[in-house]
N, C-alpha and C. Protein backbone atom coordinates (compact mmCIF):
# COMPACT_ATOMS: atom_id res chain seq x y z
N MET A 1 65.17 -108.09 -80.42
CA MET A 1 64.52 -108.39 -81.66
C MET A 1 63.93 -107.10 -82.21
N ASP A 2 64.04 -106.94 -83.52
CA ASP A 2 63.40 -105.82 -84.21
C ASP A 2 62.05 -106.30 -84.71
N ILE A 3 61.00 -105.56 -84.37
CA ILE A 3 59.66 -105.86 -84.87
C ILE A 3 59.29 -104.79 -85.87
N HIS A 4 58.89 -105.22 -87.06
CA HIS A 4 58.48 -104.31 -88.13
C HIS A 4 56.99 -104.51 -88.39
N TYR A 5 56.22 -103.42 -88.22
CA TYR A 5 54.78 -103.45 -88.42
C TYR A 5 54.44 -102.84 -89.77
N PHE A 6 53.50 -103.45 -90.47
CA PHE A 6 53.08 -102.96 -91.77
C PHE A 6 51.58 -102.69 -91.78
N ALA A 7 51.16 -101.73 -92.60
CA ALA A 7 49.75 -101.41 -92.88
C ALA A 7 48.96 -101.22 -91.58
N ALA A 8 47.86 -101.98 -91.41
CA ALA A 8 46.98 -101.80 -90.25
C ALA A 8 47.71 -102.07 -88.93
N ALA A 9 48.65 -102.99 -88.92
CA ALA A 9 49.41 -103.27 -87.70
C ALA A 9 50.23 -102.03 -87.30
N ARG A 10 50.78 -101.35 -88.28
CA ARG A 10 51.53 -100.11 -88.03
C ARG A 10 50.60 -99.05 -87.43
N ALA A 11 49.40 -98.93 -87.98
CA ALA A 11 48.45 -97.93 -87.48
C ALA A 11 48.06 -98.22 -86.03
N ALA A 12 47.78 -99.46 -85.70
CA ALA A 12 47.36 -99.80 -84.33
C ALA A 12 48.53 -99.72 -83.35
N ALA A 13 49.72 -100.07 -83.79
CA ALA A 13 50.89 -100.01 -82.90
C ALA A 13 51.36 -98.56 -82.72
N GLY A 14 51.04 -97.71 -83.67
CA GLY A 14 51.47 -96.32 -83.59
C GLY A 14 52.93 -96.12 -83.97
N THR A 15 53.52 -97.12 -84.59
CA THR A 15 54.91 -97.06 -85.01
C THR A 15 55.14 -98.09 -86.12
N ASP A 16 56.17 -97.88 -86.91
CA ASP A 16 56.46 -98.87 -87.96
C ASP A 16 57.46 -99.92 -87.48
N ARG A 17 58.14 -99.64 -86.36
CA ARG A 17 59.07 -100.64 -85.83
C ARG A 17 59.37 -100.36 -84.37
N GLU A 18 59.79 -101.41 -83.69
CA GLU A 18 60.22 -101.27 -82.30
C GLU A 18 61.23 -102.36 -81.98
N GLN A 19 61.99 -102.11 -80.95
CA GLN A 19 63.00 -103.05 -80.47
C GLN A 19 62.49 -103.66 -79.16
N VAL A 20 62.54 -104.98 -79.06
CA VAL A 20 62.16 -105.68 -77.84
C VAL A 20 63.37 -106.49 -77.38
N ASP A 21 63.82 -106.23 -76.17
CA ASP A 21 65.01 -106.91 -75.66
C ASP A 21 64.68 -108.14 -74.82
N GLN A 22 63.59 -108.08 -74.06
CA GLN A 22 63.18 -109.20 -73.22
C GLN A 22 62.18 -110.05 -73.98
N LEU A 23 62.62 -111.20 -74.47
CA LEU A 23 61.75 -112.05 -75.29
C LEU A 23 61.18 -113.20 -74.48
N PRO A 24 59.88 -113.46 -74.63
CA PRO A 24 59.31 -114.67 -74.06
C PRO A 24 59.73 -115.88 -74.90
N GLY A 25 59.19 -117.03 -74.60
CA GLY A 25 59.60 -118.25 -75.30
C GLY A 25 59.04 -118.41 -76.71
N THR A 26 57.80 -117.94 -76.92
CA THR A 26 57.17 -118.21 -78.22
C THR A 26 56.65 -116.93 -78.87
N LEU A 27 56.39 -117.02 -80.14
CA LEU A 27 55.83 -115.91 -80.89
C LEU A 27 54.48 -115.51 -80.31
N GLY A 28 53.64 -116.47 -79.97
CA GLY A 28 52.32 -116.16 -79.41
C GLY A 28 52.42 -115.36 -78.13
N GLU A 29 53.35 -115.70 -77.27
CA GLU A 29 53.54 -114.95 -76.03
C GLU A 29 54.00 -113.53 -76.33
N LEU A 30 54.88 -113.38 -77.31
CA LEU A 30 55.35 -112.05 -77.70
C LEU A 30 54.19 -111.22 -78.26
N LEU A 31 53.36 -111.81 -79.12
CA LEU A 31 52.24 -111.10 -79.70
C LEU A 31 51.25 -110.65 -78.62
N ASP A 32 50.98 -111.51 -77.67
CA ASP A 32 50.08 -111.15 -76.58
C ASP A 32 50.63 -109.97 -75.78
N ALA A 33 51.94 -109.99 -75.52
CA ALA A 33 52.57 -108.90 -74.77
C ALA A 33 52.55 -107.60 -75.56
N ARG A 34 52.80 -107.66 -76.86
CA ARG A 34 52.80 -106.45 -77.68
C ARG A 34 51.37 -105.89 -77.79
N ALA A 35 50.37 -106.76 -77.92
CA ALA A 35 48.98 -106.30 -77.99
C ALA A 35 48.59 -105.59 -76.70
N ALA A 36 49.04 -106.10 -75.56
CA ALA A 36 48.74 -105.48 -74.27
C ALA A 36 49.48 -104.15 -74.10
N ALA A 37 50.64 -104.02 -74.72
CA ALA A 37 51.47 -102.82 -74.57
C ALA A 37 51.00 -101.66 -75.44
N HIS A 38 50.23 -101.94 -76.49
CA HIS A 38 49.79 -100.90 -77.43
C HIS A 38 48.28 -100.73 -77.33
N SER A 39 47.84 -99.54 -77.02
CA SER A 39 46.40 -99.30 -76.86
C SER A 39 45.78 -98.59 -78.05
N GLY A 40 46.56 -98.33 -79.09
CA GLY A 40 46.04 -97.63 -80.27
C GLY A 40 45.12 -98.51 -81.08
N THR A 41 44.43 -97.86 -82.02
CA THR A 41 43.54 -98.58 -82.93
C THR A 41 43.72 -98.04 -84.35
N THR A 42 43.19 -98.77 -85.28
CA THR A 42 43.15 -98.32 -86.67
C THR A 42 41.99 -97.34 -86.82
N GLU A 43 41.85 -96.75 -88.00
CA GLU A 43 40.70 -95.87 -88.26
C GLU A 43 39.38 -96.61 -88.12
N ALA A 44 39.41 -97.92 -88.36
CA ALA A 44 38.20 -98.74 -88.22
C ALA A 44 37.96 -99.19 -86.78
N GLY A 45 38.84 -98.80 -85.86
CA GLY A 45 38.67 -99.13 -84.45
C GLY A 45 39.25 -100.47 -84.02
N MET A 46 40.06 -101.09 -84.86
CA MET A 46 40.65 -102.39 -84.52
C MET A 46 41.93 -102.20 -83.71
N GLY A 47 42.04 -102.95 -82.63
CA GLY A 47 43.25 -102.95 -81.82
C GLY A 47 44.28 -103.91 -82.39
N LEU A 48 45.49 -103.81 -81.86
CA LEU A 48 46.59 -104.63 -82.37
C LEU A 48 46.31 -106.12 -82.22
N GLY A 49 45.72 -106.53 -81.10
CA GLY A 49 45.40 -107.94 -80.91
C GLY A 49 44.44 -108.47 -81.97
N GLU A 50 43.45 -107.66 -82.34
CA GLU A 50 42.51 -108.06 -83.39
C GLU A 50 43.22 -108.19 -84.73
N ILE A 51 44.11 -107.27 -84.98
CA ILE A 51 44.85 -107.30 -86.24
C ILE A 51 45.76 -108.53 -86.29
N PHE A 52 46.40 -108.85 -85.18
CA PHE A 52 47.28 -110.02 -85.14
C PHE A 52 46.55 -111.29 -85.57
N SER A 53 45.26 -111.39 -85.26
CA SER A 53 44.53 -112.61 -85.59
C SER A 53 44.40 -112.81 -87.10
N ARG A 54 44.69 -111.78 -87.88
CA ARG A 54 44.56 -111.84 -89.35
C ARG A 54 45.90 -111.81 -90.07
N CYS A 55 46.98 -111.70 -89.30
CA CYS A 55 48.31 -111.45 -89.89
C CYS A 55 49.08 -112.71 -90.24
N THR A 56 50.05 -112.49 -91.10
CA THR A 56 51.11 -113.45 -91.36
C THR A 56 52.34 -112.93 -90.62
N PHE A 57 53.12 -113.84 -90.04
CA PHE A 57 54.29 -113.45 -89.27
C PHE A 57 55.54 -114.10 -89.87
N LEU A 58 56.54 -113.28 -90.11
CA LEU A 58 57.82 -113.78 -90.62
C LEU A 58 58.87 -113.59 -89.54
N LEU A 59 59.47 -114.69 -89.12
CA LEU A 59 60.60 -114.65 -88.18
C LEU A 59 61.86 -114.86 -88.99
N ASP A 60 62.69 -113.84 -89.04
CA ASP A 60 63.90 -113.88 -89.88
C ASP A 60 63.59 -114.35 -91.30
N GLY A 61 62.45 -113.85 -91.84
CA GLY A 61 62.07 -114.13 -93.21
C GLY A 61 61.31 -115.41 -93.44
N ARG A 62 61.02 -116.17 -92.38
CA ARG A 62 60.31 -117.45 -92.53
C ARG A 62 58.92 -117.36 -91.94
N ASN A 63 57.92 -117.81 -92.71
CA ASN A 63 56.55 -117.83 -92.23
C ASN A 63 56.48 -118.65 -90.95
N SER A 64 55.85 -118.10 -89.90
CA SER A 64 55.86 -118.76 -88.60
C SER A 64 54.49 -118.70 -87.94
N GLU A 65 54.21 -119.70 -87.14
CA GLU A 65 52.97 -119.80 -86.36
C GLU A 65 53.22 -119.29 -84.94
N ARG A 66 52.14 -119.10 -84.19
CA ARG A 66 52.24 -118.60 -82.81
C ARG A 66 53.08 -119.50 -81.91
N SER A 67 53.18 -120.76 -82.22
CA SER A 67 53.94 -121.69 -81.38
C SER A 67 55.45 -121.64 -81.64
N ALA A 68 55.89 -120.86 -82.62
CA ALA A 68 57.31 -120.81 -82.99
C ALA A 68 58.16 -120.28 -81.82
N GLU A 69 59.29 -120.92 -81.61
CA GLU A 69 60.25 -120.50 -80.58
C GLU A 69 61.00 -119.27 -81.06
N LEU A 70 61.35 -118.38 -80.13
CA LEU A 70 62.01 -117.13 -80.48
C LEU A 70 63.52 -117.12 -80.25
N SER A 71 64.05 -118.17 -79.70
CA SER A 71 65.48 -118.21 -79.41
C SER A 71 66.30 -117.96 -80.67
N GLY A 72 67.15 -116.95 -80.63
CA GLY A 72 68.04 -116.64 -81.75
C GLY A 72 67.42 -115.81 -82.86
N VAL A 73 66.12 -115.51 -82.78
CA VAL A 73 65.44 -114.74 -83.81
C VAL A 73 65.81 -113.27 -83.66
N ARG A 74 66.09 -112.62 -84.78
CA ARG A 74 66.50 -111.22 -84.76
C ARG A 74 65.44 -110.26 -85.29
N ARG A 75 64.52 -110.75 -86.14
CA ARG A 75 63.54 -109.86 -86.76
C ARG A 75 62.19 -110.55 -86.89
N LEU A 76 61.15 -109.78 -86.59
CA LEU A 76 59.76 -110.20 -86.81
C LEU A 76 59.11 -109.19 -87.72
N ASP A 77 58.50 -109.66 -88.81
CA ASP A 77 57.69 -108.83 -89.69
C ASP A 77 56.23 -109.21 -89.47
N VAL A 78 55.39 -108.20 -89.20
CA VAL A 78 53.96 -108.39 -88.97
C VAL A 78 53.23 -107.89 -90.21
N LEU A 79 52.63 -108.81 -90.95
CA LEU A 79 52.04 -108.50 -92.25
C LEU A 79 50.53 -108.77 -92.26
N PRO A 80 49.73 -107.73 -92.12
CA PRO A 80 48.28 -107.91 -92.27
C PRO A 80 47.96 -108.20 -93.73
N PRO A 81 46.74 -108.68 -94.00
CA PRO A 81 46.36 -108.87 -95.40
C PRO A 81 46.43 -107.53 -96.14
N PHE A 82 46.94 -107.56 -97.33
CA PHE A 82 47.06 -106.35 -98.15
C PHE A 82 46.00 -106.37 -99.23
N ALA A 83 45.40 -105.23 -99.49
CA ALA A 83 44.43 -105.12 -100.57
C ALA A 83 45.15 -104.66 -101.84
N GLY A 84 44.65 -105.03 -102.96
CA GLY A 84 45.17 -104.55 -104.23
C GLY A 84 46.42 -105.23 -104.72
N GLY A 85 46.76 -106.38 -104.17
CA GLY A 85 47.84 -107.18 -104.71
C GLY A 85 49.12 -106.92 -104.12
């Protein structure tokens, strides 16, 4: 799966995208694993796990909740709230 991080999520992850080959069953499990794997923070000191709690997640372009199954999913977009429209 390709994970694309935007805005504050990109800052905390230290990258704008990454490839994950070993997928857990649900989006929530994947988010927990990615938060544990990245120790960076934003300029405001927020870690990736904190940012995830405020994000919208798109699995193959569809808005998804933490309980969403990952089987067959090819792309995850991590979208924190954006300021300025």
